[in-house]
Amino acid sequence: MSNSMVGFDMLPGDCVSKILSFTSPADAFRSSMVSSMFHSAAESDVVWEKFLPTDYKDGVSRLITPLTFTTKKELFVCLCNPVLIDGGRKSFKLEKLSGKISYMLSARELSITWSNDPMQWSWKSIPQSRFSEVAELRTTCWLEIHGKISTQILSPNTRYGAYLIMKISNRAYGLDSIPSEVLVKVGNEICHDMIYLRHEDRKKQQMECMFYRNRTEVLSKRVIEGTEGISNERKDGWMEIELGEFFSGEANEEVKMSLMEVKGYQLKGGIIIEGIEVRPIH
């Protein structure tokens, strides 16, 4: 054992707990394996209350399913898995190693143009979603999705990414003929890009390309040429497309996030929206 570790072992347990509370959850997890004294100190509520959000009591009161815990560490570990809040319309979790906050806004928390028109959008329950409802696009010529969140409920001084969580069905059509505009805005900071909503059915995509070829050549002149965004597959079986990044500072600011394809005026359908996730970037 090193001299520095011997020195720590000579300190009172509550003093070690106080020191650990100024580190990180990752450090506390590691320290608990050093010695029995460190293990006891690292289990203290003094440590884990510091790693919980300052308003965690309010967050716990908004859970739709109560959690069972006896210590602050147990509560922290419970919150490292997504939990539903606010009537099941939002999902909340903490990152295990950093304690940083993530949120997912369900489709019902978003503003989706014409989503109340059953001819254009369908609201349904599917077992793959954490939320009770998702929105499936039947057909529209105007795809416009907006979400917003306050930086006050996020971790301060943290870089975040916003992601549209979705699936593209085998029946999808017209989604990737021209790019969609994605945007994240906080105050004067704007992150803007153009992305394509791609589906995996390559044969169908080639046939659509032939069908829409002439129309696409015309439409492409109306849009700003941008990079082709890539949809990534998630561990939960959904796909995600990055809408943009932003910085959550000390001030309380509103984050506006959107995806739009409103310039082509062509019919499109087959995208299933679960929500928008906001999580720290490493």
C-alpha atoms as a PDB file:
ATOM      1  CA  MET A   1       0.000   0.000   0.000  1.00  0.00           C
ATOM      2  CA  SER A   2       1.367   3.439  -0.929  1.00  0.00           C
ATOM      3  CA  ASN A   3       2.199   6.113   1.663  1.00  0.00           C
ATOM      4  CA  SER A   4      -0.613   8.301   0.332  1.00  0.00           C
ATOM      5  CA  MET A   5      -3.118   5.469   0.762  1.00  0.00           C
ATOM      6  CA  VAL A   6      -1.858   4.865   4.311  1.00  0.00           C
ATOM      7  CA  GLY A   7      -2.410   8.548   4.993  1.00  0.00           C
ATOM      8  CA  PHE A   8      -5.991   8.339   3.779  1.00  0.00           C
ATOM      9  CA  ASP A   9      -6.596   5.267   5.928  1.00  0.00           C
ATOM     10  CA  MET A  10      -5.661   7.339   8.974  1.00  0.00           C
ATOM     11  CA  LEU A  11      -8.377   9.917   8.237  1.00  0.00           C
ATOM     12  CA  PRO A  12     -11.848   9.648   9.798  1.00  0.00           C
ATOM     13  CA  GLY A  13     -14.394   7.936   7.539  1.00  0.00           C
ATOM     14  CA  ASP A  14     -16.631  10.994   7.262  1.00  0.00           C
ATOM     15  CA  CYS A  15     -13.625  13.035   6.164  1.00  0.00           C
ATOM     16  CA  VAL A  16     -12.845  10.534   3.387  1.00  0.00           C
ATOM     17  CA  SER A  17     -16.504  10.597   2.346  1.00  0.00           C
ATOM     18  CA  LYS A  18     -16.357  14.376   2.089  1.00  0.00           C
ATOM     19  CA  ILE A  19     -13.248  14.145  -0.088  1.00  0.00           C
ATOM     20  CA  LEU A  20     -14.851  11.524  -2.353  1.00  0.00           C
ATOM     21  CA  SER A  21     -17.910  13.729  -2.809  1.00  0.00           C
ATOM     22  CA  PHE A  22     -15.707  16.183  -4.722  1.00  0.00           C
ATOM     23  CA  THR A  23     -14.606  13.513  -7.233  1.00  0.00           C
ATOM     24  CA  SER A  24     -16.916  11.597  -9.598  1.00  0.00           C
ATOM     25  CA  PRO A  25     -19.150   8.527  -9.484  1.00  0.00           C
ATOM     26  CA  ALA A  26     -16.452   6.603 -11.384  1.00  0.00           C
ATOM     27  CA  ASP A  27     -13.871   7.505  -8.708  1.00  0.00           C
ATOM     28  CA  ALA A  28     -16.264   6.525  -5.924  1.00  0.00           C
ATOM     29  CA  PHE A  29     -16.964   3.140  -7.530  1.00  0.00           C
ATOM     30  CA  ARG A  30     -13.210   2.503  -7.871  1.00  0.00           C
ATOM     31  CA  SER A  31     -12.388   3.723  -4.364  1.00  0.00           C
ATOM     32  CA  SER A  32     -14.819   1.285  -2.791  1.00  0.00           C
ATOM     33  CA  MET A  33     -12.503  -1.560  -3.884  1.00  0.00           C
ATOM     34  CA  VAL A  34      -9.351  -0.124  -2.291  1.00  0.00           C
ATOM     35  CA  SER A  35      -9.944  -1.094   1.340  1.00  0.00           C
ATOM     36  CA  SER A  36     -12.737  -1.740   3.829  1.00  0.00           C
ATOM     37  CA  MET A  37     -12.416   1.834   5.133  1.00  0.00           C
ATOM     38  CA  PHE A  38     -12.699   3.254   1.618  1.00  0.00           C
ATOM     39  CA  HIS A  39     -15.608   0.930   0.882  1.00  0.00           C
ATOM     40  CA  SER A  40     -17.484   2.228   3.919  1.00  0.00           C
ATOM     41  CA  ALA A  41     -16.694   5.854   3.075  1.00  0.00           C
ATOM     42  CA  ALA A  42     -17.690   5.408  -0.575  1.00  0.00           C
ATOM     43  CA  GLU A  43     -21.112   4.032   0.440  1.00  0.00           C
ATOM     44  CA  SER A  44     -21.981   7.169   2.407  1.00  0.00           C
ATOM     45  CA  ASP A  45     -25.010   9.286   1.497  1.00  0.00           C
ATOM     46  CA  VAL A  46     -22.690  12.290   1.749  1.00  0.00           C
ATOM     47  CA  VAL A  47     -20.905  11.052  -1.375  1.00  0.00           C
ATOM     48  CA  TRP A  48     -23.872  10.036  -3.509  1.00  0.00           C
ATOM     49  CA  GLU A  49     -26.127  12.962  -2.689  1.00  0.00           C
ATOM     50  CA  LYS A  50     -23.447  15.155  -4.228  1.00  0.00           C
ATOM     51  CA  PHE A  51     -23.590  13.088  -7.430  1.00  0.00           C
ATOM     52  CA  LEU A  52     -27.373  13.295  -7.704  1.00  0.00           C
ATOM     53  CA  PRO A  53     -28.954  16.310  -9.451  1.00  0.00           C
ATOM     54  CA  THR A  54     -29.642  19.188  -7.071  1.00  0.00           C
ATOM     55  CA  ASP A  55     -33.372  18.833  -7.760  1.00  0.00           C
ATOM     56  CA  TYR A  56     -33.445  15.019  -7.574  1.00  0.00           C
ATOM     57  CA  LYS A  57     -36.261  15.022  -5.001  1.00  0.00           C
ATOM     58  CA  ASP A  58     -38.504  16.823  -7.481  1.00  0.00           C
ATOM     59  CA  GLY A  59     -37.496  14.361 -10.187  1.00  0.00           C
ATOM     60  CA  VAL A  60     -38.277  11.349  -7.992  1.00  0.00           C
ATOM     61  CA  SER A  61     -41.702  12.813  -7.205  1.00  0.00           C
ATOM     62  CA  ARG A  62     -42.471  12.913 -10.965  1.00  0.00           C
ATOM     63  CA  LEU A  63     -41.763   9.208 -11.572  1.00  0.00           C
ATOM     64  CA  ILE A  64     -44.744   7.218 -12.812  1.00  0.00           C
ATOM     65  CA  THR A  65     -43.353   4.056 -11.139  1.00  0.00           C
ATOM     66  CA  PRO A  66     -41.878   4.574  -7.637  1.00  0.00           C
ATOM     67  CA  LEU A  67     -38.330   3.334  -7.085  1.00  0.00           C
ATOM     68  CA  THR A  68     -37.264   1.140  -4.177  1.00  0.00           C
ATOM     69  CA  PHE A  69     -34.065   2.332  -2.487  1.00  0.00           C
ATOM     70  CA  THR A  70     -32.655   2.783   1.014  1.00  0.00           C
ATOM     71  CA  THR A  71     -29.468   4.744   0.289  1.00  0.00           C
ATOM     72  CA  LYS A  72     -28.517   7.585  -2.037  1.00  0.00           C
ATOM     73  CA  LYS A  73     -26.148   5.235  -3.865  1.00  0.00           C
ATOM     74  CA  GLU A  74     -29.009   2.833  -4.553  1.00  0.00           C
ATOM     75  CA  LEU A  75     -31.079   5.734  -5.878  1.00  0.00           C
ATOM     76  CA  PHE A  76     -28.205   6.857  -8.105  1.00  0.00           C
ATOM     77  CA  VAL A  77     -27.819   3.345  -9.553  1.00  0.00           C
ATOM     78  CA  CYS A  78     -31.584   3.115 -10.163  1.00  0.00           C
ATOM     79  CA  LEU A  79     -31.508   6.404 -12.083  1.00  0.00           C
ATOM     80  CA  CYS A  80     -28.722   5.111 -14.320  1.00  0.00           C
ATOM     81  CA  ASN A  81     -31.463   3.203 -16.158  1.00  0.00           C
ATOM     82  CA  PRO A  82     -34.100   5.209 -18.074  1.00  0.00           C
ATOM     83  CA  VAL A  83     -37.140   6.034 -15.928  1.00  0.00           C
ATOM     84  CA  LEU A  84     -40.413   7.573 -17.098  1.00  0.00           C
ATOM     85  CA  ILE A  85     -41.556  10.891 -15.644  1.00  0.00           C
ATOM     86  CA  ASP A  86     -44.286  13.469 -16.220  1.00  0.00           C
ATOM     87  CA  GLY A  87     -47.062  11.010 -16.950  1.00  0.00           C
ATOM     88  CA  GLY A  88     -44.792   8.870 -19.117  1.00  0.00           C
ATOM     89  CA  ARG A  89     -44.199  11.615 -21.682  1.00  0.00           C
ATOM     90  CA  LYS A  90     -40.482  12.001 -20.847  1.00  0.00           C
ATOM     91  CA  SER A  91     -37.621   9.674 -19.964  1.00  0.00           C
ATOM     92  CA  PHE A  92     -34.756  10.564 -17.616  1.00  0.00           C
ATOM     93  CA  LYS A  93     -31.437   8.907 -16.761  1.00  0.00           C
ATOM     94  CA  LEU A  94     -28.019   9.586 -15.258  1.00  0.00           C
ATOM     95  CA  GLU A  95     -24.714   8.509 -16.773  1.00  0.00           C
ATOM     96  CA  LYS A  96     -23.149   5.989 -14.407  1.00  0.00           C
ATOM     97  CA  LEU A  97     -19.554   7.220 -14.610  1.00  0.00           C
ATOM     98  CA  SER A  98     -20.178  10.971 -14.652  1.00  0.00           C
ATOM     99  CA  GLY A  99     -23.646  11.545 -13.190  1.00  0.00           C
ATOM    100  CA  LYS A 100     -24.508  13.724 -16.211  1.00  0.00           C
ATOM    101  CA  ILE A 101     -28.208  14.071 -17.034  1.00  0.00           C
ATOM    102  CA  SER A 102     -29.933  12.779 -20.172  1.00  0.00           C
ATOM    103  CA  TYR A 103     -33.546  13.257 -21.253  1.00  0.00           C
ATOM    104  CA  MET A 104     -35.755  11.827 -23.964  1.00  0.00           C
ATOM    105  CA  LEU A 105     -38.876  13.686 -25.026  1.00  0.00           C
ATOM    106  CA  SER A 106     -41.573  11.336 -26.314  1.00  0.00           C
ATOM    107  CA  ALA A 107     -43.337  11.970 -29.615  1.00  0.00           C
ATOM    108  CA  ARG A 108     -46.289  13.325 -27.594  1.00  0.00           C
ATOM    109  CA  GLU A 109     -43.963  16.001 -26.162  1.00  0.00           C
ATOM    110  CA  LEU A 110     -42.983  17.160 -29.638  1.00  0.00           C
ATOM    111  CA  SER A 111     -44.752  19.489 -32.028  1.00  0.00           C
ATOM    112  CA  ILE A 112     -45.391  17.460 -35.198  1.00  0.00           C
ATOM    113  CA  THR A 113     -47.246  19.290 -37.946  1.00  0.00           C
ATOM    114  CA  TRP A 114     -50.625  17.685 -38.737  1.00  0.00           C
ATOM    115  CA  SER A 115     -50.011  14.887 -36.212  1.00  0.00           C
ATOM    116  CA  ASN A 116     -53.667  15.100 -35.150  1.00  0.00           C
ATOM    117  CA  ASP A 117     -54.835  14.328 -38.692  1.00  0.00           C
ATOM    118  CA  PRO A 118     -55.369  10.535 -38.828  1.00  0.00           C
ATOM    119  CA  MET A 119     -55.008  10.634 -42.610  1.00  0.00           C
ATOM    120  CA  GLN A 120     -51.412  11.806 -42.222  1.00  0.00           C
ATOM    121  CA  TRP A 121     -50.180  10.480 -38.850  1.00  0.00           C
ATOM    122  CA  SER A 122     -51.091   7.449 -36.770  1.00  0.00           C
ATOM    123  CA  TRP A 123     -50.577   7.214 -32.991  1.00  0.00           C
ATOM    124  CA  LYS A 124     -50.018   3.675 -31.767  1.00  0.00           C
ATOM    125  CA  SER A 125     -48.355   1.521 -29.117  1.00  0.00           C
ATOM    126  CA  ILE A 126     -45.483  -0.796 -30.006  1.00  0.00           C
ATOM    127  CA  PRO A 127     -43.566  -3.109 -27.634  1.00  0.00           C
ATOM    128  CA  GLN A 128     -40.163  -1.781 -28.747  1.00  0.00           C
ATOM    129  CA  SER A 129     -40.821   1.687 -27.289  1.00  0.00           C
ATOM    130  CA  ARG A 130     -40.370   2.825 -23.699  1.00  0.00           C
ATOM    131  CA  PHE A 131     -43.297   5.214 -24.230  1.00  0.00           C
ATOM    132  CA  SER A 132     -46.970   4.305 -24.455  1.00  0.00           C
ATOM    133  CA  GLU A 133     -47.341   5.874 -27.904  1.00  0.00           C
ATOM    134  CA  VAL A 134     -45.242   6.572 -30.982  1.00  0.00           C
ATOM    135  CA  ALA A 135     -46.156   8.541 -34.101  1.00  0.00           C
ATOM    136  CA  GLU A 136     -46.087   6.847 -37.508  1.00  0.00           C
ATOM    137  CA  LEU A 137     -46.201   8.949 -40.652  1.00  0.00           C
ATOM    138  CA  ARG A 138     -48.790   7.625 -43.082  1.00  0.00           C
ATOM    139  CA  THR A 139     -48.447  10.226 -45.798  1.00  0.00           C
ATOM    140  CA  THR A 140     -47.659  13.935 -45.969  1.00  0.00           C
ATOM    141  CA  CYS A 141     -45.956  16.436 -48.197  1.00  0.00           C
ATOM    142  CA  TRP A 142     -44.858  18.544 -45.208  1.00  0.00           C
ATOM    143  CA  LEU A 143     -42.578  16.874 -42.635  1.00  0.00           C
ATOM    144  CA  GLU A 144     -41.951  19.179 -39.674  1.00  0.00           C
ATOM    145  CA  ILE A 145     -40.947  18.074 -36.169  1.00  0.00           C
ATOM    146  CA  HIS A 146     -40.008  20.457 -33.325  1.00  0.00           C
ATOM    147  CA  GLY A 147     -38.923  19.893 -29.743  1.00  0.00           C
ATOM    148  CA  LYS A 148     -37.680  22.102 -26.941  1.00  0.00           C
ATOM    149  CA  ILE A 149     -36.035  21.663 -23.554  1.00  0.00           C
ATOM    150  CA  SER A 150     -34.617  24.006 -20.913  1.00  0.00           C
ATOM    151  CA  THR A 151     -30.913  23.902 -20.056  1.00  0.00           C
ATOM    152  CA  GLN A 152     -31.964  24.437 -16.427  1.00  0.00           C
ATOM    153  CA  ILE A 153     -32.856  20.742 -16.112  1.00  0.00           C
ATOM    154  CA  LEU A 154     -29.631  19.567 -17.794  1.00  0.00           C
ATOM    155  CA  SER A 155     -26.112  19.273 -16.390  1.00  0.00           C
ATOM    156  CA  PRO A 156     -24.328  22.650 -16.371  1.00  0.00           C
ATOM    157  CA  ASN A 157     -21.145  23.342 -18.338  1.00  0.00           C
ATOM    158  CA  THR A 158     -21.723  20.299 -20.526  1.00  0.00           C
ATOM    159  CA  ARG A 159     -21.720  19.774 -24.293  1.00  0.00           C
ATOM    160  CA  TYR A 160     -24.905  18.011 -25.429  1.00  0.00           C
ATOM    161  CA  GLY A 161     -26.137  16.331 -28.593  1.00  0.00           C
ATOM    162  CA  ALA A 162     -29.775  16.138 -29.698  1.00  0.00           C
ATOM    163  CA  TYR A 163     -30.918  13.035 -31.575  1.00  0.00           C
ATOM    164  CA  LEU A 164     -34.144  12.100 -33.363  1.00  0.00           C
ATOM    165  CA  ILE A 165     -35.037   8.547 -32.318  1.00  0.00           C
ATOM    166  CA  MET A 166     -36.949   6.794 -35.079  1.00  0.00           C
ATOM    167  CA  LYS A 167     -37.519   3.745 -37.249  1.00  0.00           C
ATOM    168  CA  ILE A 168     -38.051   3.611 -40.990  1.00  0.00           C
ATOM    169  CA  SER A 169     -40.513   0.916 -42.034  1.00  0.00           C
ATOM    170  CA  ASN A 170     -40.222  -1.357 -45.052  1.00  0.00           C
ATOM    171  CA  ARG A 171     -43.179   0.528 -46.529  1.00  0.00           C
ATOM    172  CA  ALA A 172     -41.345   3.871 -46.382  1.00  0.00           C
ATOM    173  CA  TYR A 173     -41.336   6.069 -49.468  1.00  0.00           C
ATOM    174  CA  GLY A 174     -40.259   9.552 -50.484  1.00  0.00           C
ATOM    175  CA  LEU A 175     -38.159  10.173 -47.362  1.00  0.00           C
ATOM    176  CA  ASP A 176     -34.711  10.324 -48.924  1.00  0.00           C
ATOM    177  CA  SER A 177     -35.338  11.860 -52.318  1.00  0.00           C
ATOM    178  CA  ILE A 178     -34.198  15.258 -51.092  1.00  0.00           C
ATOM    179  CA  PRO A 179     -32.492  16.146 -47.778  1.00  0.00           C
ATOM    180  CA  SER A 180     -34.225  17.226 -44.607  1.00  0.00           C
ATOM    181  CA  GLU A 181     -33.060  20.226 -42.625  1.00  0.00           C
ATOM    182  CA  VAL A 182     -31.966  19.641 -39.017  1.00  0.00           C
ATOM    183  CA  LEU A 183     -31.362  22.455 -36.561  1.00  0.00           C
ATOM    184  CA  VAL A 184     -30.516  23.023 -32.892  1.00  0.00           C
ATOM    185  CA  LYS A 185     -30.609  26.563 -31.515  1.00  0.00           C
ATOM    186  CA  VAL A 186     -29.709  27.934 -28.079  1.00  0.00           C
ATOM    187  CA  GLY A 187     -29.628  31.712 -27.830  1.00  0.00           C
ATOM    188  CA  ASN A 188     -27.319  32.915 -30.608  1.00  0.00           C
ATOM    189  CA  GLU A 189     -25.700  29.486 -31.041  1.00  0.00           C
ATOM    190  CA  ILE A 190     -27.114  27.638 -34.062  1.00  0.00           C
ATOM    191  CA  CYS A 191     -26.159  24.183 -35.315  1.00  0.00           C
ATOM    192  CA  HIS A 192     -27.594  23.521 -38.788  1.00  0.00           C
ATOM    193  CA  ASP A 193     -27.190  20.728 -41.328  1.00  0.00           C
ATOM    194  CA  MET A 194     -28.916  18.835 -44.142  1.00  0.00           C
ATOM    195  CA  ILE A 195     -29.437  15.070 -43.788  1.00  0.00           C
ATOM    196  CA  TYR A 196     -31.026  12.239 -45.710  1.00  0.00           C
ATOM    197  CA  LEU A 197     -33.481   9.861 -44.071  1.00  0.00           C
ATOM    198  CA  ARG A 198     -32.248   6.551 -45.441  1.00  0.00           C
ATOM    199  CA  HIS A 199     -33.926   3.173 -45.220  1.00  0.00           C
ATOM    200  CA  GLU A 200     -32.145  -0.180 -45.445  1.00  0.00           C
ATOM    201  CA  ASP A 201     -34.115  -1.643 -48.359  1.00  0.00           C
ATOM    202  CA  ARG A 202     -31.543  -0.927 -51.067  1.00  0.00           C
ATOM    203  CA  LYS A 203     -33.607  -2.474 -53.908  1.00  0.00           C
ATOM    204  CA  LYS A 204     -36.614  -0.335 -53.021  1.00  0.00           C
ATOM    205  CA  GLN A 205     -34.349   2.696 -52.708  1.00  0.00           C
ATOM    206  CA  GLN A 206     -32.973   2.112 -56.229  1.00  0.00           C
ATOM    207  CA  MET A 207     -36.485   1.809 -57.675  1.00  0.00           C
ATOM    208  CA  GLU A 208     -37.567   4.998 -55.925  1.00  0.00           C
ATOM    209  CA  CYS A 209     -34.483   6.729 -57.247  1.00  0.00           C
ATOM    210  CA  MET A 210     -35.533   5.797 -60.810  1.00  0.00           C
ATOM    211  CA  PHE A 211     -39.128   6.885 -60.165  1.00  0.00           C
ATOM    212  CA  TYR A 212     -38.194  10.217 -58.615  1.00  0.00           C
ATOM    213  CA  ARG A 213     -35.091  10.880 -60.743  1.00  0.00           C
ATOM    214  CA  ASN A 214     -36.420  13.742 -62.853  1.00  0.00           C
ATOM    215  CA  ARG A 215     -38.343  15.262 -59.959  1.00  0.00           C
ATOM    216  CA  THR A 216     -35.316  15.034 -57.693  1.00  0.00           C
ATOM    217  CA  GLU A 217     -33.144  16.833 -60.218  1.00  0.00           C
ATOM    218  CA  VAL A 218     -35.616  19.715 -60.137  1.00  0.00           C
ATOM    219  CA  LEU A 219     -36.060  19.685 -56.373  1.00  0.00           C
ATOM    220  CA  SER A 220     -32.333  19.573 -55.667  1.00  0.00           C
ATOM    221  CA  LYS A 221     -32.056  23.063 -57.117  1.00  0.00           C
ATOM    222  CA  ARG A 222     -34.392  24.342 -54.387  1.00  0.00           C
ATOM    223  CA  VAL A 223     -32.428  23.101 -51.403  1.00  0.00           C
ATOM    224  CA  ILE A 224     -29.068  23.957 -49.968  1.00  0.00           C
ATOM    225  CA  GLU A 225     -26.617  21.168 -50.709  1.00  0.00           C
ATOM    226  CA  GLY A 226     -25.427  19.622 -47.463  1.00  0.00           C
ATOM    227  CA  THR A 227     -23.722  16.584 -46.019  1.00  0.00           C
ATOM    228  CA  GLU A 228     -25.490  13.254 -45.885  1.00  0.00           C
ATOM    229  CA  GLY A 229     -26.351  12.507 -42.287  1.00  0.00           C
ATOM    230  CA  ILE A 230     -26.037   8.914 -41.173  1.00  0.00           C
ATOM    231  CA  SER A 231     -28.648   7.115 -39.109  1.00  0.00           C
ATOM    232  CA  ASN A 232     -27.028   4.931 -36.469  1.00  0.00           C
ATOM    233  CA  GLU A 233     -28.525   1.820 -34.966  1.00  0.00           C
ATOM    234  CA  ARG A 234     -28.924   1.912 -31.180  1.00  0.00           C
ATOM    235  CA  LYS A 235     -28.679  -0.897 -28.658  1.00  0.00           C
ATOM    236  CA  ASP A 236     -32.424  -0.580 -27.991  1.00  0.00           C
ATOM    237  CA  GLY A 237     -33.246  -1.443 -31.616  1.00  0.00           C
ATOM    238  CA  TRP A 238     -34.128   2.093 -32.721  1.00  0.00           C
ATOM    239  CA  MET A 239     -32.237   4.335 -35.126  1.00  0.00           C
ATOM    240  CA  GLU A 240     -31.001   7.838 -34.384  1.00  0.00           C
ATOM    241  CA  ILE A 241     -30.034  10.849 -36.442  1.00  0.00           C
ATOM    242  CA  GLU A 242     -28.100  13.706 -34.883  1.00  0.00           C
ATOM    243  CA  LEU A 243     -29.987  16.987 -35.061  1.00  0.00           C
ATOM    244  CA  GLY A 244     -27.084  19.038 -33.704  1.00  0.00           C
ATOM    245  CA  GLU A 245     -25.029  19.996 -30.663  1.00  0.00           C
ATOM    246  CA  PHE A 246     -25.237  22.725 -28.036  1.00  0.00           C
ATOM    247  CA  PHE A 247     -23.575  23.855 -24.819  1.00  0.00           C
ATOM    248  CA  SER A 248     -25.495  23.845 -21.543  1.00  0.00           C
ATOM    249  CA  GLY A 249     -23.960  26.580 -19.413  1.00  0.00           C
ATOM    250  CA  GLU A 250     -24.923  28.167 -16.098  1.00  0.00           C
ATOM    251  CA  ALA A 251     -27.740  30.316 -17.508  1.00  0.00           C
ATOM    252  CA  ASN A 252     -31.268  29.019 -18.079  1.00  0.00           C
ATOM    253  CA  GLU A 253     -31.843  28.948 -21.845  1.00  0.00           C
ATOM    254  CA  GLU A 254     -34.335  27.246 -24.130  1.00  0.00           C
ATOM    255  CA  VAL A 255     -33.010  24.666 -26.577  1.00  0.00           C
ATOM    256  CA  LYS A 256     -34.976  24.445 -29.843  1.00  0.00           C
ATOM    257  CA  MET A 257     -34.539  21.294 -31.959  1.00  0.00           C
ATOM    258  CA  SER A 258     -36.115  20.450 -35.295  1.00  0.00           C
ATOM    259  CA  LEU A 259     -36.206  18.312 -38.415  1.00  0.00           C
ATOM    260  CA  MET A 260     -37.995  19.650 -41.503  1.00  0.00           C
ATOM    261  CA  GLU A 261     -38.536  18.725 -45.143  1.00  0.00           C
ATOM    262  CA  VAL A 262     -41.001  21.280 -46.429  1.00  0.00           C
ATOM    263  CA  LYS A 263     -39.492  22.362 -49.759  1.00  0.00           C
ATOM    264  CA  GLY A 264     -40.143  19.335 -51.930  1.00  0.00           C
ATOM    265  CA  TYR A 265     -43.939  19.134 -51.620  1.00  0.00           C
ATOM    266  CA  GLN A 266     -43.788  15.442 -52.498  1.00  0.00           C
ATOM    267  CA  LEU A 267     -45.572  12.705 -50.598  1.00  0.00           C
ATOM    268  CA  LYS A 268     -43.579  10.726 -48.088  1.00  0.00           C
ATOM    269  CA  GLY A 269     -44.382   8.187 -45.396  1.00  0.00           C
ATOM    270  CA  GLY A 270     -43.170   5.288 -43.278  1.00  0.00           C
ATOM    271  CA  ILE A 271     -41.115   6.999 -40.561  1.00  0.00           C
ATOM    272  CA  ILE A 272     -41.933   6.111 -36.926  1.00  0.00           C
ATOM    273  CA  ILE A 273     -41.026   8.740 -34.322  1.00  0.00           C
ATOM    274  CA  GLU A 274     -40.279   7.711 -30.739  1.00  0.00           C
ATOM    275  CA  GLY A 275     -38.914  11.069 -29.605  1.00  0.00           C
ATOM    276  CA  ILE A 276     -35.866  13.309 -29.293  1.00  0.00           C
ATOM    277  CA  GLU A 277     -33.027  12.366 -26.941  1.00  0.00           C
ATOM    278  CA  VAL A 278     -30.705  14.957 -25.401  1.00  0.00           C
ATOM    279  CA  ARG A 279     -27.520  13.479 -23.933  1.00  0.00           C
ATOM    280  CA  PRO A 280     -23.956  14.571 -23.065  1.00  0.00           C
ATOM    281  CA  ILE A 281     -21.253  14.306 -25.717  1.00  0.00           C
ATOM    282  CA  HIS A 282     -17.885  12.791 -24.777  1.00  0.00           C
END
